[in-house]
């Protein structure tokens, strides 16, 4: 996964992470717990099988589309944030 942040007047920030490090079951569980705490909702219906299918699908998409853009935002000021697989 690649993250690029460009801010006018500052050097760009390039972050690269192995996709497997960011897309795994323990991290997904932590994210779900955090979302539940912040939004006060119950996402308990998401089970281990659902997480495995979601992770498998993300990895399949990475293999099929190696440079898939997940987020590509440009502000009026010219700031850019890009996140790609």
Protein backbone atom coordinates (compact mmCIF):
# COMPACT_ATOMS: atom_id res chain seq x y z
CA UNK A 1 0.00 0.00 0.00
CA UNK A 2 1.33 3.44 -0.90
CA UNK A 3 0.36 6.72 0.70
CA UNK A 4 1.41 10.04 -0.84
CA UNK A 5 0.79 13.41 0.78
CA UNK A 6 1.76 16.64 -0.98
CA UNK A 7 1.34 19.95 0.79
CA UNK A 8 2.15 23.26 -0.84
CA UNK A 9 5.46 24.57 0.45
CA UNK A 10 6.50 21.30 2.10
CA UNK A 11 8.33 18.25 0.81
CA UNK A 12 6.05 15.35 -0.18
CA UNK A 13 5.55 12.46 2.22
CA UNK A 14 5.77 8.98 0.70
CA UNK A 15 4.78 6.02 2.90
CA UNK A 16 4.94 2.42 1.73
CA UNK A 17 3.58 -0.50 3.71
CA UNK A 18 3.34 -4.19 2.87
CA UNK A 19 -0.33 -4.85 2.20
CA UNK A 20 -0.28 -7.98 4.37
CA UNK A 21 0.87 -5.88 7.31
CA UNK A 22 -2.18 -3.60 7.03
CA UNK A 23 -4.76 -6.15 5.87
CA UNK A 24 -5.00 -8.97 8.41
CA UNK A 25 -7.54 -10.32 10.86
CA UNK A 26 -6.11 -8.91 14.15
CA UNK A 27 -5.87 -5.39 12.73
CA UNK A 28 -9.36 -5.67 11.24
CA UNK A 29 -10.70 -6.69 14.68
CA UNK A 30 -8.99 -3.68 16.27
CA UNK A 31 -10.46 -1.35 13.66
CA UNK A 32 -13.95 -2.76 14.18
CA UNK A 33 -13.64 -2.31 17.96
CA UNK A 34 -12.44 1.27 17.51
CA UNK A 35 -15.29 2.07 15.10
CA UNK A 36 -17.79 0.59 17.58
CA UNK A 37 -16.37 2.71 20.42
CA UNK A 38 -16.30 5.95 18.42
CA UNK A 39 -19.71 5.60 16.78
CA UNK A 40 -21.45 3.71 19.60
CA UNK A 41 -22.77 1.14 17.12
CA UNK A 42 -22.65 -2.63 17.16
CA UNK A 43 -20.78 -4.27 14.30
CA UNK A 44 -20.79 -7.65 16.02
CA UNK A 45 -22.44 -9.20 12.98
CA UNK A 46 -19.05 -9.15 11.24
CA UNK A 47 -17.58 -12.55 11.99
CA UNK A 48 -14.24 -14.20 11.32
CA UNK A 49 -15.46 -15.68 8.03
CA UNK A 50 -16.61 -12.25 6.84
CA UNK A 51 -13.23 -10.74 7.71
CA UNK A 52 -11.40 -13.55 5.92
CA UNK A 53 -13.51 -13.00 2.80
CA UNK A 54 -12.94 -9.23 2.92
CA UNK A 55 -9.17 -9.64 3.36
CA UNK A 56 -9.07 -12.24 0.58
CA UNK A 57 -10.96 -9.91 -1.76
CA UNK A 58 -8.61 -6.99 -1.03
CA UNK A 59 -5.58 -9.19 -1.73
CA UNK A 60 -7.19 -10.51 -4.93
CA UNK A 61 -7.84 -6.93 -6.10
CA UNK A 62 -4.22 -6.01 -5.36
CA UNK A 63 -3.05 -8.90 -7.51
CA UNK A 64 -5.46 -8.09 -10.36
CA UNK A 65 -5.02 -4.29 -10.23
CA UNK A 66 -1.53 -3.61 -8.78
CA UNK A 67 -1.89 0.20 -8.79
CA UNK A 68 -5.53 0.57 -7.78
CA UNK A 69 -6.23 4.02 -6.31
CA UNK A 70 -8.35 3.80 -3.16
CA UNK A 71 -8.26 7.52 -2.33
CA UNK A 72 -7.29 10.41 -4.60
CA UNK A 73 -8.15 13.80 -3.11
CA UNK A 74 -7.01 17.26 -4.21
CA UNK A 75 -7.97 20.33 -2.19
CA UNK A 76 -8.51 23.84 -3.51
CA UNK A 77 -5.11 24.80 -2.07
CA UNK A 78 -3.41 22.16 -4.19
CA UNK A 79 -2.83 19.68 -1.35
CA UNK A 80 -2.94 16.08 -2.57
CA UNK A 81 -3.58 12.81 -0.72
CA UNK A 82 -3.34 9.55 -2.65
CA UNK A 83 -3.71 6.04 -1.26
CA UNK A 84 -3.23 3.09 -3.58
CA UNK A 85 -2.81 -0.66 -3.25
